[in-house]
Amino acid sequence: MTEESAATENTAASTSGPSLPSFYGLKAGMTRVFDEAGNHVPVTVVKLVPNVVTQVKTQDKDGYEAYQIGYYEKREKLVSKPTKGHLKKANTDKNLTRFAEVRAEGVDAAHLGKEVSIEDFQKDTFIDVTGTSKGKGFQGVIKRWGFAGGPAAHGSKFHRTGGSIGNRATPGKVWKNKKMPGHMGAKTKTIQNLQVFEVNTEKGYLLVKGSIPGSKNSFVKVSKAVKKG
């Protein structure tokens, strides 16, 4: 290796950000593609947004090692002054408004202000995707829990209600976690062992086989699969 090529390699290494086990993207929607064999594959499109290291947590100062990641850019006038000061310390000119921590071992303060690399998330990689499920409002037991309901005949007066929830004088109460009507959806959900179908960093998207939690334009966390290598 010549001195010039070694210098170029060292420069590239110094400008590239850390490769972390998780990053954040935007769910753009679903579509379908065809593989090499012509098989139809339903996929979810995840828009790749910049993930910038905005703070480095160290064992000496914070008691653990992690990177704080900033994402979701807005117009400058929509960013609060405290957030602007935090971003200024991180040596970034991006107007980021969402922040999250990703644990990592052997953190390096030199990565402050650099974008996270997704080189480990290649085609056929298994991932876990976390997002907030679609909110469906207040729902009854049939839609929320899959209850069978009563007869649909005209003489029946029991169609879609939940029925009795008690049990005589003993125990004389409704048990905790009884399945009843209530707010449905809008919860943090993780789908495990999904597979990456394609990664295109030039056009800024990632295709995931199958569906992932959340509505369109919602943020999702893409992580390396815990149960699969």
C-alpha atoms as a PDB file:
ATOM      1  CA  MET A   1       0.000   0.000   0.000  1.00  0.00           C
ATOM      2  CA  THR A   2       1.370   3.382  -1.004  1.00  0.00           C
ATOM      3  CA  GLU A   3       1.503   6.364   1.333  1.00  0.00           C
ATOM      4  CA  GLU A   4      -1.118   8.173  -0.755  1.00  0.00           C
ATOM      5  CA  SER A   5      -3.619   5.277  -0.627  1.00  0.00           C
ATOM      6  CA  ALA A   6      -3.013   4.803   3.097  1.00  0.00           C
ATOM      7  CA  ALA A   7      -3.670   8.500   3.716  1.00  0.00           C
ATOM      8  CA  THR A   8      -6.872   8.299   1.658  1.00  0.00           C
ATOM      9  CA  GLU A   9      -8.046   5.267   3.645  1.00  0.00           C
ATOM     10  CA  ASN A  10      -7.312   6.960   6.972  1.00  0.00           C
ATOM     11  CA  THR A  11      -9.171  10.095   5.850  1.00  0.00           C
ATOM     12  CA  ALA A  12     -12.204   8.034   4.837  1.00  0.00           C
ATOM     13  CA  ALA A  13     -12.148   6.214   8.168  1.00  0.00           C
ATOM     14  CA  SER A  14     -11.977   9.489  10.068  1.00  0.00           C
ATOM     15  CA  THR A  15     -14.911  11.057   8.173  1.00  0.00           C
ATOM     16  CA  SER A  16     -17.208   8.028   8.383  1.00  0.00           C
ATOM     17  CA  GLY A  17     -19.478   7.652  11.370  1.00  0.00           C
ATOM     18  CA  PRO A  18     -19.888   4.677  13.701  1.00  0.00           C
ATOM     19  CA  SER A  19     -21.673   1.507  12.659  1.00  0.00           C
ATOM     20  CA  LEU A  20     -24.344   0.922  15.320  1.00  0.00           C
ATOM     21  CA  PRO A  21     -26.770  -1.953  15.970  1.00  0.00           C
ATOM     22  CA  SER A  22     -29.766   0.373  15.434  1.00  0.00           C
ATOM     23  CA  PHE A  23     -30.805   3.376  13.377  1.00  0.00           C
ATOM     24  CA  TYR A  24     -33.995   5.346  12.751  1.00  0.00           C
ATOM     25  CA  GLY A  25     -35.899   5.688   9.489  1.00  0.00           C
ATOM     26  CA  LEU A  26     -39.228   6.856   8.095  1.00  0.00           C
ATOM     27  CA  LYS A  27     -41.915   4.400   7.031  1.00  0.00           C
ATOM     28  CA  ALA A  28     -42.825   5.568   3.516  1.00  0.00           C
ATOM     29  CA  GLY A  29     -45.437   2.878   2.774  1.00  0.00           C
ATOM     30  CA  MET A  30     -45.728  -0.538   1.143  1.00  0.00           C
ATOM     31  CA  THR A  31     -45.300  -1.818  -2.392  1.00  0.00           C
ATOM     32  CA  ARG A  32     -44.281  -4.995  -4.171  1.00  0.00           C
ATOM     33  CA  VAL A  33     -41.173  -6.068  -6.036  1.00  0.00           C
ATOM     34  CA  PHE A  34     -40.033  -9.180  -7.884  1.00  0.00           C
ATOM     35  CA  ASP A  35     -36.973 -11.248  -7.027  1.00  0.00           C
ATOM     36  CA  GLU A  36     -34.550 -12.927  -9.438  1.00  0.00           C
ATOM     37  CA  ALA A  37     -36.878 -15.900  -9.838  1.00  0.00           C
ATOM     38  CA  GLY A  38     -39.831 -13.683 -10.692  1.00  0.00           C
ATOM     39  CA  ASN A  39     -41.591 -14.241  -7.381  1.00  0.00           C
ATOM     40  CA  HIS A  40     -43.822 -11.459  -6.094  1.00  0.00           C
ATOM     41  CA  VAL A  41     -42.510 -10.065  -2.781  1.00  0.00           C
ATOM     42  CA  PRO A  42     -44.503  -7.567  -0.664  1.00  0.00           C
ATOM     43  CA  VAL A  43     -42.130  -5.041   0.926  1.00  0.00           C
ATOM     44  CA  THR A  44     -42.201  -1.989   3.180  1.00  0.00           C
ATOM     45  CA  VAL A  45     -40.221   1.049   2.073  1.00  0.00           C
ATOM     46  CA  VAL A  46     -38.149   2.682   4.818  1.00  0.00           C
ATOM     47  CA  LYS A  47     -36.792   6.101   3.909  1.00  0.00           C
ATOM     48  CA  LEU A  48     -33.224   6.563   5.095  1.00  0.00           C
ATOM     49  CA  VAL A  49     -32.930   9.839   7.001  1.00  0.00           C
ATOM     50  CA  PRO A  50     -29.655  11.230   8.427  1.00  0.00           C
ATOM     51  CA  ASN A  51     -28.815   9.786  11.857  1.00  0.00           C
ATOM     52  CA  VAL A  52     -26.231  12.072  13.446  1.00  0.00           C
ATOM     53  CA  VAL A  53     -24.247  11.456  16.639  1.00  0.00           C
ATOM     54  CA  THR A  54     -25.232  14.408  18.852  1.00  0.00           C
ATOM     55  CA  GLN A  55     -23.716  13.217  22.146  1.00  0.00           C
ATOM     56  CA  VAL A  56     -21.302  10.551  23.367  1.00  0.00           C
ATOM     57  CA  LYS A  57     -22.051   8.868  26.696  1.00  0.00           C
ATOM     58  CA  THR A  58     -18.971   7.507  28.465  1.00  0.00           C
ATOM     59  CA  GLN A  59     -18.444   5.158  31.371  1.00  0.00           C
ATOM     60  CA  ASP A  60     -16.502   7.729  33.387  1.00  0.00           C
ATOM     61  CA  LYS A  61     -18.983  10.569  33.053  1.00  0.00           C
ATOM     62  CA  ASP A  62     -22.362   8.857  32.611  1.00  0.00           C
ATOM     63  CA  GLY A  63     -21.843   5.367  34.030  1.00  0.00           C
ATOM     64  CA  TYR A  64     -22.490   3.623  30.703  1.00  0.00           C
ATOM     65  CA  GLU A  65     -21.443   3.803  27.070  1.00  0.00           C
ATOM     66  CA  ALA A  66     -23.835   4.931  24.351  1.00  0.00           C
ATOM     67  CA  TYR A  67     -24.318   7.314  21.454  1.00  0.00           C
ATOM     68  CA  GLN A  68     -27.140   9.830  21.388  1.00  0.00           C
ATOM     69  CA  ILE A  69     -28.579   9.896  17.865  1.00  0.00           C
ATOM     70  CA  GLY A  70     -30.383  12.879  16.392  1.00  0.00           C
ATOM     71  CA  TYR A  71     -32.765  12.567  13.441  1.00  0.00           C
ATOM     72  CA  TYR A  72     -35.806  14.250  11.794  1.00  0.00           C
ATOM     73  CA  GLU A  73     -34.784  17.610  10.349  1.00  0.00           C
ATOM     74  CA  LYS A  74     -37.102  20.627  10.498  1.00  0.00           C
ATOM     75  CA  ARG A  75     -36.881  24.233   9.401  1.00  0.00           C
ATOM     76  CA  GLU A  76     -34.581  26.293  11.590  1.00  0.00           C
ATOM     77  CA  LYS A  77     -37.413  28.469  12.961  1.00  0.00           C
ATOM     78  CA  LEU A  78     -39.126  25.341  14.325  1.00  0.00           C
ATOM     79  CA  VAL A  79     -36.127  24.292  16.448  1.00  0.00           C
ATOM     80  CA  SER A  80     -36.005  25.519  20.049  1.00  0.00           C
ATOM     81  CA  LYS A  81     -33.020  27.474  21.343  1.00  0.00           C
ATOM     82  CA  PRO A  82     -31.924  24.777  23.831  1.00  0.00           C
ATOM     83  CA  THR A  83     -31.931  22.236  21.011  1.00  0.00           C
ATOM     84  CA  LYS A  84     -29.919  24.597  18.800  1.00  0.00           C
ATOM     85  CA  GLY A  85     -27.332  24.929  21.569  1.00  0.00           C
ATOM     86  CA  HIS A  86     -27.157  21.151  21.945  1.00  0.00           C
ATOM     87  CA  LEU A  87     -26.647  20.705  18.201  1.00  0.00           C
ATOM     88  CA  LYS A  88     -23.968  23.385  18.169  1.00  0.00           C
ATOM     89  CA  LYS A  89     -21.995  21.417  20.764  1.00  0.00           C
ATOM     90  CA  ALA A  90     -22.342  18.375  18.523  1.00  0.00           C
ATOM     91  CA  ASN A  91     -20.671  20.231  15.629  1.00  0.00           C
ATOM     92  CA  THR A  92     -23.581  19.685  13.234  1.00  0.00           C
ATOM     93  CA  ASP A  93     -25.463  22.193  11.110  1.00  0.00           C
ATOM     94  CA  LYS A  94     -28.555  19.971  10.724  1.00  0.00           C
ATOM     95  CA  ASN A  95     -31.766  21.122  12.451  1.00  0.00           C
ATOM     96  CA  LEU A  96     -32.558  17.845  14.212  1.00  0.00           C
ATOM     97  CA  THR A  97     -35.516  17.599  16.581  1.00  0.00           C
ATOM     98  CA  ARG A  98     -35.737  13.936  17.672  1.00  0.00           C
ATOM     99  CA  PHE A  99     -33.147  12.211  19.828  1.00  0.00           C
ATOM    100  CA  ALA A 100     -32.584   8.650  21.044  1.00  0.00           C
ATOM    101  CA  GLU A 101     -29.775   6.649  22.621  1.00  0.00           C
ATOM    102  CA  VAL A 102     -28.161   3.551  21.178  1.00  0.00           C
ATOM    103  CA  ARG A 103     -25.929   1.487  23.459  1.00  0.00           C
ATOM    104  CA  ALA A 104     -22.485   0.677  22.102  1.00  0.00           C
ATOM    105  CA  GLU A 105     -19.187  -0.586  23.429  1.00  0.00           C
ATOM    106  CA  GLY A 106     -15.964   1.318  22.992  1.00  0.00           C
ATOM    107  CA  VAL A 107     -17.493   4.684  22.130  1.00  0.00           C
ATOM    108  CA  ASP A 108     -15.282   7.305  20.525  1.00  0.00           C
ATOM    109  CA  ALA A 109     -15.744  11.057  21.003  1.00  0.00           C
ATOM    110  CA  ALA A 110     -14.303  11.579  17.517  1.00  0.00           C
ATOM    111  CA  HIS A 111     -17.645  10.388  16.073  1.00  0.00           C
ATOM    112  CA  LEU A 112     -19.463  13.431  17.467  1.00  0.00           C
ATOM    113  CA  GLY A 113     -21.349  15.203  14.673  1.00  0.00           C
ATOM    114  CA  LYS A 114     -20.910  12.368  12.160  1.00  0.00           C
ATOM    115  CA  GLU A 115     -23.656  10.391  10.457  1.00  0.00           C
ATOM    116  CA  VAL A 116     -24.255   6.798  11.519  1.00  0.00           C
ATOM    117  CA  SER A 117     -23.205   4.178   8.988  1.00  0.00           C
ATOM    118  CA  ILE A 118     -25.670   1.451   7.929  1.00  0.00           C
ATOM    119  CA  GLU A 119     -23.091  -0.729   6.205  1.00  0.00           C
ATOM    120  CA  ASP A 120     -24.028  -3.670   8.460  1.00  0.00           C
ATOM    121  CA  PHE A 121     -27.631  -3.690   7.162  1.00  0.00           C
ATOM    122  CA  GLN A 122     -27.115  -5.352   3.809  1.00  0.00           C
ATOM    123  CA  LYS A 123     -29.419  -7.484   1.668  1.00  0.00           C
ATOM    124  CA  ASP A 124     -30.767 -10.634   3.405  1.00  0.00           C
ATOM    125  CA  THR A 125     -29.822  -9.283   6.852  1.00  0.00           C
ATOM    126  CA  PHE A 126     -32.317 -10.159   9.602  1.00  0.00           C
ATOM    127  CA  ILE A 127     -33.635  -7.169  11.536  1.00  0.00           C
ATOM    128  CA  ASP A 128     -36.108  -6.226  14.275  1.00  0.00           C
ATOM    129  CA  VAL A 129     -38.309  -3.195  13.550  1.00  0.00           C
ATOM    130  CA  THR A 130     -39.935  -1.157  16.337  1.00  0.00           C
ATOM    131  CA  GLY A 131     -42.676   1.393  15.764  1.00  0.00           C
ATOM    132  CA  THR A 132     -45.932   2.792  17.144  1.00  0.00           C
ATOM    133  CA  SER A 133     -48.911   0.812  15.868  1.00  0.00           C
ATOM    134  CA  LYS A 134     -51.830   2.563  14.197  1.00  0.00           C
ATOM    135  CA  GLY A 135     -54.311   4.008  16.682  1.00  0.00           C
ATOM    136  CA  LYS A 136     -57.859   2.667  16.247  1.00  0.00           C
ATOM    137  CA  GLY A 137     -59.606   4.569  19.031  1.00  0.00           C
ATOM    138  CA  PHE A 138     -62.076   3.064  21.509  1.00  0.00           C
ATOM    139  CA  GLN A 139     -63.127  -0.410  20.327  1.00  0.00           C
ATOM    140  CA  GLY A 140     -65.320  -3.206  21.619  1.00  0.00           C
ATOM    141  CA  VAL A 141     -64.249  -6.704  22.616  1.00  0.00           C
ATOM    142  CA  ILE A 142     -64.975  -8.272  19.224  1.00  0.00           C
ATOM    143  CA  LYS A 143     -62.592  -6.033  17.269  1.00  0.00           C
ATOM    144  CA  ARG A 144     -60.111  -5.513  20.090  1.00  0.00           C
ATOM    145  CA  TRP A 145     -59.795  -9.101  21.368  1.00  0.00           C
ATOM    146  CA  GLY A 146     -61.464 -11.246  18.699  1.00  0.00           C
ATOM    147  CA  PHE A 147     -64.455 -12.359  20.787  1.00  0.00           C
ATOM    148  CA  ALA A 148     -66.974 -14.497  18.878  1.00  0.00           C
ATOM    149  CA  GLY A 149     -70.050 -12.526  19.945  1.00  0.00           C
ATOM    150  CA  GLY A 150     -73.582 -13.866  20.188  1.00  0.00           C
ATOM    151  CA  PRO A 151     -76.074 -15.205  17.637  1.00  0.00           C
ATOM    152  CA  ALA A 152     -76.983 -12.903  14.762  1.00  0.00           C
ATOM    153  CA  ALA A 153     -80.623 -14.088  14.728  1.00  0.00           C
ATOM    154  CA  HIS A 154     -83.470 -11.586  15.210  1.00  0.00           C
ATOM    155  CA  GLY A 155     -84.554 -13.083  18.512  1.00  0.00           C
ATOM    156  CA  SER A 156     -81.128 -12.728  20.110  1.00  0.00           C
ATOM    157  CA  LYS A 157     -80.403  -9.766  22.348  1.00  0.00           C
ATOM    158  CA  PHE A 158     -76.717 -10.619  22.638  1.00  0.00           C
ATOM    159  CA  HIS A 159     -74.786  -9.667  19.502  1.00  0.00           C
ATOM    160  CA  ARG A 160     -71.516  -7.804  20.053  1.00  0.00           C
ATOM    161  CA  THR A 161     -71.391  -7.129  23.781  1.00  0.00           C
ATOM    162  CA  GLY A 162     -68.823  -8.564  26.156  1.00  0.00           C
ATOM    163  CA  GLY A 163     -71.177 -10.461  28.428  1.00  0.00           C
ATOM    164  CA  SER A 164     -70.739 -11.018  32.153  1.00  0.00           C
ATOM    165  CA  ILE A 165     -67.449  -9.951  33.732  1.00  0.00           C
ATOM    166  CA  GLY A 166     -68.058 -11.052  37.325  1.00  0.00           C
ATOM    167  CA  ASN A 167     -68.269 -14.373  39.210  1.00  0.00           C
ATOM    168  CA  ARG A 168     -70.764 -14.457  42.126  1.00  0.00           C
ATOM    169  CA  ALA A 169     -69.829 -13.210  45.586  1.00  0.00           C
ATOM    170  CA  THR A 170     -66.483 -14.986  45.390  1.00  0.00           C
ATOM    171  CA  PRO A 171     -64.134 -13.404  44.428  1.00  0.00           C
ATOM    172  CA  GLY A 172     -66.603 -10.509  44.364  1.00  0.00           C
ATOM    173  CA  LYS A 173     -64.504  -8.406  41.980  1.00  0.00           C
ATOM    174  CA  VAL A 174     -63.369  -8.118  38.383  1.00  0.00           C
ATOM    175  CA  TRP A 175     -59.964  -9.672  37.881  1.00  0.00           C
ATOM    176  CA  LYS A 176     -57.115  -7.456  36.730  1.00  0.00           C
ATOM    177  CA  ASN A 177     -56.274  -7.702  32.993  1.00  0.00           C
ATOM    178  CA  LYS A 178     -59.832  -8.766  32.124  1.00  0.00           C
ATOM    179  CA  LYS A 179     -60.341  -8.355  28.399  1.00  0.00           C
ATOM    180  CA  MET A 180     -62.778  -5.471  28.016  1.00  0.00           C
ATOM    181  CA  PRO A 181     -63.546  -2.630  25.584  1.00  0.00           C
ATOM    182  CA  GLY A 182     -60.981   0.158  25.518  1.00  0.00           C
ATOM    183  CA  HIS A 183     -58.402   2.116  23.569  1.00  0.00           C
ATOM    184  CA  MET A 184     -56.914   0.011  20.783  1.00  0.00           C
ATOM    185  CA  GLY A 185     -53.584   0.496  19.028  1.00  0.00           C
ATOM    186  CA  ALA A 186     -51.117   3.386  19.415  1.00  0.00           C
ATOM    187  CA  LYS A 187     -48.677   1.137  21.292  1.00  0.00           C
ATOM    188  CA  THR A 188     -44.989   0.426  20.782  1.00  0.00           C
ATOM    189  CA  LYS A 189     -44.662  -2.828  18.835  1.00  0.00           C
ATOM    190  CA  THR A 190     -41.615  -4.785  17.655  1.00  0.00           C
ATOM    191  CA  ILE A 191     -41.687  -7.229  14.737  1.00  0.00           C
ATOM    192  CA  GLN A 192     -38.749  -9.619  14.914  1.00  0.00           C
ATOM    193  CA  ASN A 193     -36.740 -11.506  12.314  1.00  0.00           C
ATOM    194  CA  LEU A 194     -37.744  -9.506   9.255  1.00  0.00           C
ATOM    195  CA  GLN A 195     -35.404  -9.644   6.278  1.00  0.00           C
ATOM    196  CA  VAL A 196     -33.837  -6.823   4.307  1.00  0.00           C
ATOM    197  CA  PHE A 197     -34.664  -7.179   0.606  1.00  0.00           C
ATOM    198  CA  GLU A 198     -32.691  -4.238  -0.776  1.00  0.00           C
ATOM    199  CA  VAL A 199     -30.615  -1.273   0.408  1.00  0.00           C
ATOM    200  CA  ASN A 200     -30.101   1.746  -1.842  1.00  0.00           C
ATOM    201  CA  THR A 201     -28.111   4.458  -0.094  1.00  0.00           C
ATOM    202  CA  GLU A 202     -27.864   6.597  -3.263  1.00  0.00           C
ATOM    203  CA  LYS A 203     -31.640   6.978  -3.548  1.00  0.00           C
ATOM    204  CA  GLY A 204     -32.071   6.770   0.218  1.00  0.00           C
ATOM    205  CA  TYR A 205     -34.346   3.816   0.849  1.00  0.00           C
ATOM    206  CA  LEU A 206     -34.373   0.345   2.379  1.00  0.00           C
ATOM    207  CA  LEU A 207     -36.845  -2.413   1.474  1.00  0.00           C
ATOM    208  CA  VAL A 208     -38.019  -4.808   4.190  1.00  0.00           C
ATOM    209  CA  LYS A 209     -39.872  -8.025   3.389  1.00  0.00           C
ATOM    210  CA  GLY A 210     -43.382  -7.931   4.842  1.00  0.00           C
ATOM    211  CA  SER A 211     -45.076  -5.283   6.954  1.00  0.00           C
ATOM    212  CA  ILE A 212     -43.819  -3.249   9.898  1.00  0.00           C
ATOM    213  CA  PRO A 213     -45.686  -1.360  12.655  1.00  0.00           C
ATOM    214  CA  GLY A 214     -46.866   2.205  12.203  1.00  0.00           C
ATOM    215  CA  SER A 215     -48.662   4.427   9.742  1.00  0.00           C
ATOM    216  CA  LYS A 216     -47.163   6.211   6.746  1.00  0.00           C
ATOM    217  CA  ASN A 217     -44.586   8.893   7.572  1.00  0.00           C
ATOM    218  CA  SER A 218     -44.060   7.515  11.076  1.00  0.00           C
ATOM    219  CA  PHE A 219     -40.583   6.868  12.440  1.00  0.00           C
ATOM    220  CA  VAL A 220     -39.364   3.328  13.061  1.00  0.00           C
ATOM    221  CA  LYS A 221     -36.305   1.894  14.757  1.00  0.00           C
ATOM    222  CA  VAL A 222     -34.407  -0.682  12.689  1.00  0.00           C
ATOM    223  CA  SER A 223     -32.139  -2.957  14.728  1.00  0.00           C
ATOM    224  CA  LYS A 224     -30.067  -6.052  14.181  1.00  0.00           C
ATOM    225  CA  ALA A 225     -32.123  -9.159  14.936  1.00  0.00           C
ATOM    226  CA  VAL A 226     -31.690 -10.336  18.523  1.00  0.00           C
ATOM    227  CA  LYS A 227     -32.643 -13.954  17.808  1.00  0.00           C
ATOM    228  CA  LYS A 228     -30.882 -14.365  14.472  1.00  0.00           C
ATOM    229  CA  GLY A 229     -27.377 -13.546  13.353  1.00  0.00           C
END
